[in-house]
Amino acid sequence: RCALRSPVEEVQDRQNEGLNMSASRGLDRRVIPHLAQGERIRQHVNILVRGPTGVGKRFLSRALADSACRYGGLTLVATEVGVADWHGRFPEPTIGHAILDHLVQKAYRLELQRESRLKIDCPLPMPTT
């Protein structure tokens, strides 16, 4: 169910909940609110969020998806796999190329970088043998 709140409020809430939009993560703090604006979503801009496990792909994607609900949707993909490796994941190369051509060509690419929150928040000791 979509909340009827402004995109700026959604992004601000995520920042308050711990969305770190520092340059060290590979994010430009001007880009995320810009992507959450209704005009970009109405233009059906695709957003690709990539990064290793635990860097906050889902957290960021949810903030953007909340805004998309208000303005009519967008295509958002959060993945650990780089775009260059996507073609090989389709069993039929022609179909894969067609899908990826439409998905990737007009997409904003957000490459998240940092230490995994899983390692920071829940460090487990390494087993010894």
N, C-alpha and C. Protein backbone atom coordinates (compact mmCIF):
# COMPACT_ATOMS: atom_id res chain seq x y z
N ARG A 1 0.85 -1.17 0.00
CA ARG A 1 0.00 0.00 0.00
C ARG A 1 0.90 1.23 0.00
N CYS A 2 0.57 2.18 -0.84
CA CYS A 2 1.38 3.38 -1.01
C CYS A 2 1.01 4.45 0.01
N ALA A 3 2.01 5.04 0.60
CA ALA A 3 1.78 6.16 1.51
C ALA A 3 1.71 7.45 0.68
N LEU A 4 0.81 8.33 1.05
CA LEU A 4 0.67 9.59 0.32
C LEU A 4 1.49 10.66 1.01
N ARG A 5 2.77 10.58 0.79
CA ARG A 5 3.71 11.54 1.36
C ARG A 5 4.59 12.06 0.23
N SER A 6 5.21 13.18 0.47
CA SER A 6 6.04 13.74 -0.60
C SER A 6 7.32 12.92 -0.75
N PRO A 7 7.89 12.91 -1.96
CA PRO A 7 9.14 12.18 -2.17
C PRO A 7 10.27 12.70 -1.30
N VAL A 8 10.27 14.00 -1.08
CA VAL A 8 11.32 14.58 -0.25
C VAL A 8 11.18 14.05 1.18
N GLU A 9 9.95 13.94 1.68
CA GLU A 9 9.73 13.38 3.02
C GLU A 9 10.22 11.94 3.10
N GLU A 10 9.95 11.16 2.06
CA GLU A 10 10.38 9.76 2.05
C GLU A 10 11.90 9.66 2.13
N VAL A 11 12.59 10.45 1.32
CA VAL A 11 14.06 10.42 1.32
C VAL A 11 14.58 10.94 2.65
N GLN A 12 13.99 12.01 3.17
CA GLN A 12 14.42 12.53 4.47
C GLN A 12 14.21 11.51 5.58
N ASP A 13 13.08 10.80 5.53
CA ASP A 13 12.85 9.75 6.53
C ASP A 13 13.93 8.68 6.46
N ARG A 14 14.28 8.28 5.24
CA ARG A 14 15.32 7.27 5.10
C ARG A 14 16.65 7.80 5.61
N GLN A 15 16.95 9.08 5.37
CA GLN A 15 18.18 9.65 5.90
C GLN A 15 18.15 9.62 7.42
N ASN A 16 17.01 9.97 8.01
CA ASN A 16 16.88 9.95 9.46
C ASN A 16 16.98 8.54 10.01
N GLU A 17 16.59 7.55 9.22
CA GLU A 17 16.67 6.15 9.66
C GLU A 17 18.04 5.55 9.41
N GLY A 18 18.94 6.32 8.84
CA GLY A 18 20.30 5.82 8.66
C GLY A 18 20.77 5.70 7.23
N LEU A 19 20.05 6.29 6.26
CA LEU A 19 20.52 6.26 4.88
C LEU A 19 21.69 7.22 4.76
N ASN A 20 22.86 6.68 4.61
CA ASN A 20 24.08 7.46 4.51
C ASN A 20 24.30 7.83 3.05
N MET A 21 24.16 9.10 2.72
CA MET A 21 24.31 9.53 1.34
C MET A 21 25.64 10.26 1.13
N SER A 22 26.67 9.79 1.79
CA SER A 22 27.97 10.42 1.64
C SER A 22 28.66 9.97 0.36
N ALA A 23 29.58 10.79 -0.10
CA ALA A 23 30.31 10.50 -1.34
C ALA A 23 31.12 9.20 -1.20
N SER A 24 31.53 8.85 0.01
CA SER A 24 32.31 7.62 0.20
C SER A 24 31.52 6.37 -0.15
N ARG A 25 30.19 6.49 -0.17
CA ARG A 25 29.33 5.36 -0.56
C ARG A 25 29.09 5.33 -2.05
N GLY A 26 29.56 6.34 -2.77
CA GLY A 26 29.32 6.39 -4.19
C GLY A 26 28.03 7.12 -4.54
N LEU A 27 27.46 7.83 -3.57
CA LEU A 27 26.20 8.56 -3.80
C LEU A 27 26.43 10.06 -3.81
N ASP A 28 25.71 10.72 -4.66
CA ASP A 28 25.69 12.18 -4.69
C ASP A 28 24.39 12.58 -3.99
N ARG A 29 24.49 13.30 -2.89
CA ARG A 29 23.30 13.59 -2.10
C ARG A 29 22.28 14.42 -2.85
N ARG A 30 22.63 14.99 -4.00
CA ARG A 30 21.65 15.72 -4.82
C ARG A 30 20.87 14.78 -5.73
N VAL A 31 21.43 13.62 -6.04
CA VAL A 31 20.82 12.71 -7.01
C VAL A 31 19.60 11.99 -6.44
N ILE A 32 19.67 11.52 -5.22
CA ILE A 32 18.57 10.71 -4.66
C ILE A 32 17.28 11.52 -4.57
N PRO A 33 17.27 12.72 -3.97
CA PRO A 33 16.02 13.49 -3.98
C PRO A 33 15.56 13.82 -5.41
N HIS A 34 16.50 14.06 -6.30
CA HIS A 34 16.16 14.34 -7.70
C HIS A 34 15.44 13.15 -8.32
N LEU A 35 15.93 11.94 -8.06
CA LEU A 35 15.29 10.74 -8.61
C LEU A 35 13.92 10.51 -7.99
N ALA A 36 13.74 10.92 -6.75
CA ALA A 36 12.47 10.71 -6.07
C ALA A 36 11.39 11.71 -6.49
N GLN A 37 11.78 12.74 -7.22
CA GLN A 37 10.81 13.73 -7.66
C GLN A 37 9.84 13.13 -8.65
N GLY A 38 8.63 13.57 -8.62
CA GLY A 38 7.58 13.03 -9.46
C GLY A 38 7.85 13.13 -10.95
N GLU A 39 8.53 14.18 -11.38
CA GLU A 39 8.78 14.35 -12.82
C GLU A 39 9.60 13.20 -13.38
N ARG A 40 10.64 12.79 -12.68
CA ARG A 40 11.49 11.68 -13.15
C ARG A 40 10.69 10.38 -13.19
N ILE A 41 9.86 10.17 -12.20
CA ILE A 41 9.08 8.94 -12.14
C ILE A 41 8.03 8.92 -13.25
N ARG A 42 7.39 10.07 -13.49
CA ARG A 42 6.40 10.15 -14.58
C ARG A 42 7.05 9.93 -15.94
N GLN A 43 8.33 10.22 -16.05
CA GLN A 43 9.06 9.98 -17.30
C GLN A 43 9.47 8.51 -17.43
N HIS A 44 9.09 7.70 -16.46
CA HIS A 44 9.40 6.26 -16.44
C HIS A 44 10.90 6.00 -16.55
N VAL A 45 11.65 6.75 -15.78
CA VAL A 45 13.09 6.56 -15.71
C VAL A 45 13.36 5.27 -14.94
N ASN A 46 14.25 4.45 -15.45
CA ASN A 46 14.66 3.24 -14.76
C ASN A 46 15.79 3.57 -13.79
N ILE A 47 15.82 2.85 -12.69
CA ILE A 47 16.89 3.04 -11.71
C ILE A 47 17.52 1.69 -11.41
N LEU A 48 18.82 1.61 -11.55
CA LEU A 48 19.57 0.39 -11.25
C LEU A 48 20.45 0.67 -10.04
N VAL A 49 20.23 -0.08 -8.97
CA VAL A 49 21.00 0.07 -7.73
C VAL A 49 21.86 -1.18 -7.59
N ARG A 50 23.17 -0.99 -7.58
CA ARG A 50 24.07 -2.13 -7.51
C ARG A 50 25.07 -1.95 -6.38
N GLY A 51 25.41 -3.06 -5.76
CA GLY A 51 26.42 -3.05 -4.72
C GLY A 51 26.46 -4.40 -4.03
N PRO A 52 27.50 -4.64 -3.26
CA PRO A 52 27.63 -5.92 -2.57
C PRO A 52 26.60 -6.07 -1.44
N THR A 53 26.52 -7.27 -0.92
CA THR A 53 25.59 -7.57 0.17
C THR A 53 25.80 -6.63 1.34
N GLY A 54 24.68 -6.12 1.88
CA GLY A 54 24.73 -5.35 3.11
C GLY A 54 25.04 -3.88 2.98
N VAL A 55 25.10 -3.32 1.76
CA VAL A 55 25.45 -1.91 1.63
C VAL A 55 24.23 -0.98 1.62
N GLY A 56 23.03 -1.55 1.62
CA GLY A 56 21.83 -0.72 1.70
C GLY A 56 21.05 -0.58 0.41
N LYS A 57 21.21 -1.53 -0.51
CA LYS A 57 20.46 -1.48 -1.78
C LYS A 57 18.96 -1.50 -1.52
N ARG A 58 18.53 -2.41 -0.69
CA ARG A 58 17.09 -2.54 -0.42
C ARG A 58 16.57 -1.31 0.32
N PHE A 59 17.31 -0.80 1.25
CA PHE A 59 16.91 0.37 2.02
C PHE A 59 16.70 1.57 1.10
N LEU A 60 17.66 1.83 0.23
CA LEU A 60 17.57 2.93 -0.74
C LEU A 60 16.44 2.67 -1.73
N SER A 61 16.33 1.46 -2.21
CA SER A 61 15.30 1.11 -3.18
C SER A 61 13.91 1.33 -2.61
N ARG A 62 13.73 1.01 -1.34
CA ARG A 62 12.41 1.21 -0.72
C ARG A 62 12.05 2.69 -0.65
N ALA A 63 13.02 3.55 -0.37
CA ALA A 63 12.74 4.99 -0.34
C ALA A 63 12.30 5.47 -1.73
N LEU A 64 12.98 5.01 -2.76
CA LEU A 64 12.62 5.38 -4.13
C LEU A 64 11.28 4.77 -4.54
N ALA A 65 11.04 3.53 -4.13
CA ALA A 65 9.78 2.87 -4.47
C ALA A 65 8.59 3.54 -3.79
N ASP A 66 8.78 4.01 -2.56
CA ASP A 66 7.71 4.73 -1.87
C ASP A 66 7.30 5.95 -2.67
N SER A 67 8.26 6.67 -3.20
CA SER A 67 7.96 7.84 -4.03
C SER A 67 7.30 7.42 -5.33
N ALA A 68 7.77 6.33 -5.91
CA ALA A 68 7.21 5.85 -7.19
C ALA A 68 5.72 5.52 -7.04
N CYS A 69 5.34 4.98 -5.90
CA CYS A 69 3.92 4.67 -5.68
C CYS A 69 3.05 5.91 -5.82
N ARG A 70 3.54 6.99 -5.35
CA ARG A 70 2.77 8.24 -5.38
C ARG A 70 2.61 8.77 -6.81
N TYR A 71 3.60 8.55 -7.64
CA TYR A 71 3.63 9.19 -8.96
C TYR A 71 3.42 8.24 -10.13
N GLY A 72 3.11 7.01 -9.90
CA GLY A 72 2.75 6.15 -11.02
C GLY A 72 3.76 5.11 -11.42
N GLY A 73 4.81 4.93 -10.68
CA GLY A 73 5.69 3.80 -10.90
C GLY A 73 6.94 4.08 -11.70
N LEU A 74 7.87 3.17 -11.58
CA LEU A 74 9.11 3.16 -12.33
C LEU A 74 9.65 1.75 -12.27
N THR A 75 10.66 1.49 -13.07
CA THR A 75 11.33 0.19 -13.01
C THR A 75 12.59 0.38 -12.18
N LEU A 76 12.69 -0.40 -11.12
CA LEU A 76 13.81 -0.29 -10.20
C LEU A 76 14.39 -1.68 -9.99
N VAL A 77 15.68 -1.81 -10.20
CA VAL A 77 16.35 -3.10 -10.02
C VAL A 77 17.47 -2.91 -9.00
N ALA A 78 17.48 -3.73 -7.97
CA ALA A 78 18.55 -3.74 -6.98
C ALA A 78 19.25 -5.09 -7.09
N THR A 79 20.55 -5.06 -7.28
CA THR A 79 21.28 -6.29 -7.57
C THR A 79 22.73 -6.21 -7.11
N GLU A 80 23.32 -7.36 -6.93
CA GLU A 80 24.75 -7.46 -6.68
C GLU A 80 25.52 -7.68 -7.98
N VAL A 81 24.81 -8.04 -9.02
CA VAL A 81 25.44 -8.39 -10.31
C VAL A 81 25.58 -7.15 -11.17
N GLY A 82 26.77 -6.93 -11.71
CA GLY A 82 27.01 -5.80 -12.59
C GLY A 82 26.28 -5.95 -13.92
N VAL A 83 25.90 -4.83 -14.51
CA VAL A 83 25.16 -4.83 -15.78
C VAL A 83 25.91 -5.61 -16.86
N ALA A 84 27.21 -5.52 -16.88
CA ALA A 84 28.00 -6.23 -17.89
C ALA A 84 27.79 -7.74 -17.83
N ASP A 85 27.39 -8.26 -16.68
CA ASP A 85 27.19 -9.70 -16.51
C ASP A 85 25.74 -10.15 -16.70
N TRP A 86 24.84 -9.23 -16.97
CA TRP A 86 23.43 -9.58 -17.09
C TRP A 86 23.11 -10.40 -18.32
N HIS A 87 23.74 -10.10 -19.45
CA HIS A 87 23.41 -10.81 -20.69
C HIS A 87 23.55 -12.32 -20.54
N GLY A 88 24.59 -12.75 -19.87
CA GLY A 88 24.84 -14.17 -19.70
C GLY A 88 23.83 -14.89 -18.83
N ARG A 89 22.97 -14.18 -18.17
CA ARG A 89 21.97 -14.78 -17.29
C ARG A 89 20.67 -15.11 -18.01
N PHE A 90 20.55 -14.68 -19.25
CA PHE A 90 19.36 -14.99 -20.05
C PHE A 90 19.65 -16.20 -20.93
N PRO A 91 18.81 -17.22 -20.89
CA PRO A 91 19.06 -18.41 -21.71
C PRO A 91 18.94 -18.12 -23.21
N GLU A 92 18.12 -17.16 -23.59
CA GLU A 92 17.95 -16.78 -24.99
C GLU A 92 18.57 -15.39 -25.18
N PRO A 93 19.74 -15.30 -25.83
CA PRO A 93 20.46 -14.04 -25.95
C PRO A 93 19.67 -12.91 -26.62
N THR A 94 18.85 -13.23 -27.61
CA THR A 94 18.10 -12.19 -28.31
C THR A 94 17.07 -11.54 -27.38
N ILE A 95 16.38 -12.35 -26.61
CA ILE A 95 15.40 -11.82 -25.67
C ILE A 95 16.11 -11.04 -24.56
N GLY A 96 17.19 -11.58 -24.08
CA GLY A 96 17.96 -10.89 -23.05
C GLY A 96 18.44 -9.52 -23.52
N HIS A 97 18.94 -9.48 -24.74
CA HIS A 97 19.43 -8.21 -25.28
C HIS A 97 18.29 -7.20 -25.41
N ALA A 98 17.14 -7.63 -25.88
CA ALA A 98 16.00 -6.74 -26.04
C ALA A 98 15.54 -6.18 -24.69
N ILE A 99 15.44 -7.04 -23.70
CA ILE A 99 15.01 -6.59 -22.38
C ILE A 99 16.02 -5.61 -21.79
N LEU A 100 17.28 -5.98 -21.85
CA LEU A 100 18.31 -5.14 -21.26
C LEU A 100 18.47 -3.82 -22.00
N ASP A 101 18.28 -3.85 -23.30
CA ASP A 101 18.38 -2.62 -24.08
C ASP A 101 17.37 -1.59 -23.57
N HIS A 102 16.15 -2.01 -23.35
CA HIS A 102 15.11 -1.11 -22.86
C HIS A 102 15.32 -0.72 -21.40
N LEU A 103 15.80 -1.65 -20.60
CA LEU A 103 15.97 -1.40 -19.18
C LEU A 103 17.16 -0.48 -18.88
N VAL A 104 18.27 -0.71 -19.56
CA VAL A 104 19.53 -0.07 -19.19
C VAL A 104 19.75 1.28 -19.89
N GLN A 105 19.26 1.44 -21.10
CA GLN A 105 19.60 2.62 -21.89
C GLN A 105 19.27 3.94 -21.21
N LYS A 106 18.12 4.06 -20.61
CA LYS A 106 17.71 5.33 -19.97
C LYS A 106 17.69 5.21 -18.45
N ALA A 107 18.60 4.46 -17.92
CA ALA A 107 18.59 4.21 -16.48
C ALA A 107 19.63 5.05 -15.76
N TYR A 108 19.26 5.47 -14.56
CA TYR A 108 20.24 6.02 -13.63
C TYR A 108 20.88 4.82 -12.96
N ARG A 109 22.19 4.85 -12.87
CA ARG A 109 22.91 3.75 -12.22
C ARG A 109 23.51 4.26 -10.92
N LEU A 110 23.13 3.62 -9.85
CA LEU A 110 23.65 3.96 -8.53
C LEU A 110 24.52 2.80 -8.07
N GLU A 111 25.80 3.05 -7.92
CA GLU A 111 26.76 2.02 -7.49
C GLU A 111 27.10 2.28 -6.03
N LEU A 112 26.53 1.48 -5.14
CA LEU A 112 26.77 1.67 -3.71
C LEU A 112 28.09 1.02 -3.32
N GLN A 113 28.80 1.72 -2.45
CA GLN A 113 30.09 1.24 -1.98
C GLN A 113 30.19 1.50 -0.49
N ARG A 114 30.71 0.60 0.23
CA ARG A 114 31.09 0.75 1.63
C ARG A 114 31.17 -0.63 2.25
N GLU A 115 31.58 -0.66 3.49
CA GLU A 115 31.61 -1.90 4.25
C GLU A 115 30.18 -2.37 4.48
N SER A 116 29.96 -3.64 4.42
CA SER A 116 28.63 -4.21 4.64
C SER A 116 28.12 -3.89 6.03
N ARG A 117 26.85 -3.45 6.12
CA ARG A 117 26.22 -3.21 7.42
C ARG A 117 26.15 -4.51 8.22
N LEU A 118 26.09 -5.63 7.52
CA LEU A 118 26.05 -6.92 8.22
C LEU A 118 27.33 -7.12 9.02
N LYS A 119 28.46 -6.74 8.46
CA LYS A 119 29.72 -6.87 9.18
C LYS A 119 29.84 -5.87 10.31
N ILE A 120 29.30 -4.67 10.09
CA ILE A 120 29.39 -3.62 11.09
C ILE A 120 28.45 -3.88 12.25
N ASP A 121 27.19 -4.21 11.94
CA ASP A 121 26.16 -4.36 12.98
C ASP A 121 26.17 -5.72 13.68
N CYS A 122 26.56 -6.76 12.99
CA CYS A 122 26.48 -8.11 13.53
C CYS A 122 27.79 -8.87 13.31
N PRO A 123 28.88 -8.37 13.84
CA PRO A 123 30.14 -9.08 13.61
C PRO A 123 30.15 -10.44 14.29
N LEU A 124 30.46 -11.43 13.53
CA LEU A 124 30.55 -12.78 14.08
C LEU A 124 32.03 -13.18 14.15
N PRO A 125 32.41 -13.80 15.24
CA PRO A 125 33.80 -14.25 15.31
C PRO A 125 34.05 -15.35 14.29
N MET A 126 35.21 -15.34 13.72
CA MET A 126 35.59 -16.39 12.77
C MET A 126 35.86 -17.67 13.54
N PRO A 127 35.33 -18.80 13.05
CA PRO A 127 35.60 -20.07 13.75
C PRO A 127 37.08 -20.44 13.64
N THR A 128 37.57 -21.03 14.68
CA THR A 128 38.96 -21.47 14.67
C THR A 128 38.98 -22.99 14.58
N THR A 129 40.01 -23.50 13.93
CA THR A 129 40.11 -24.95 13.81
C THR A 129 41.28 -25.48 14.58
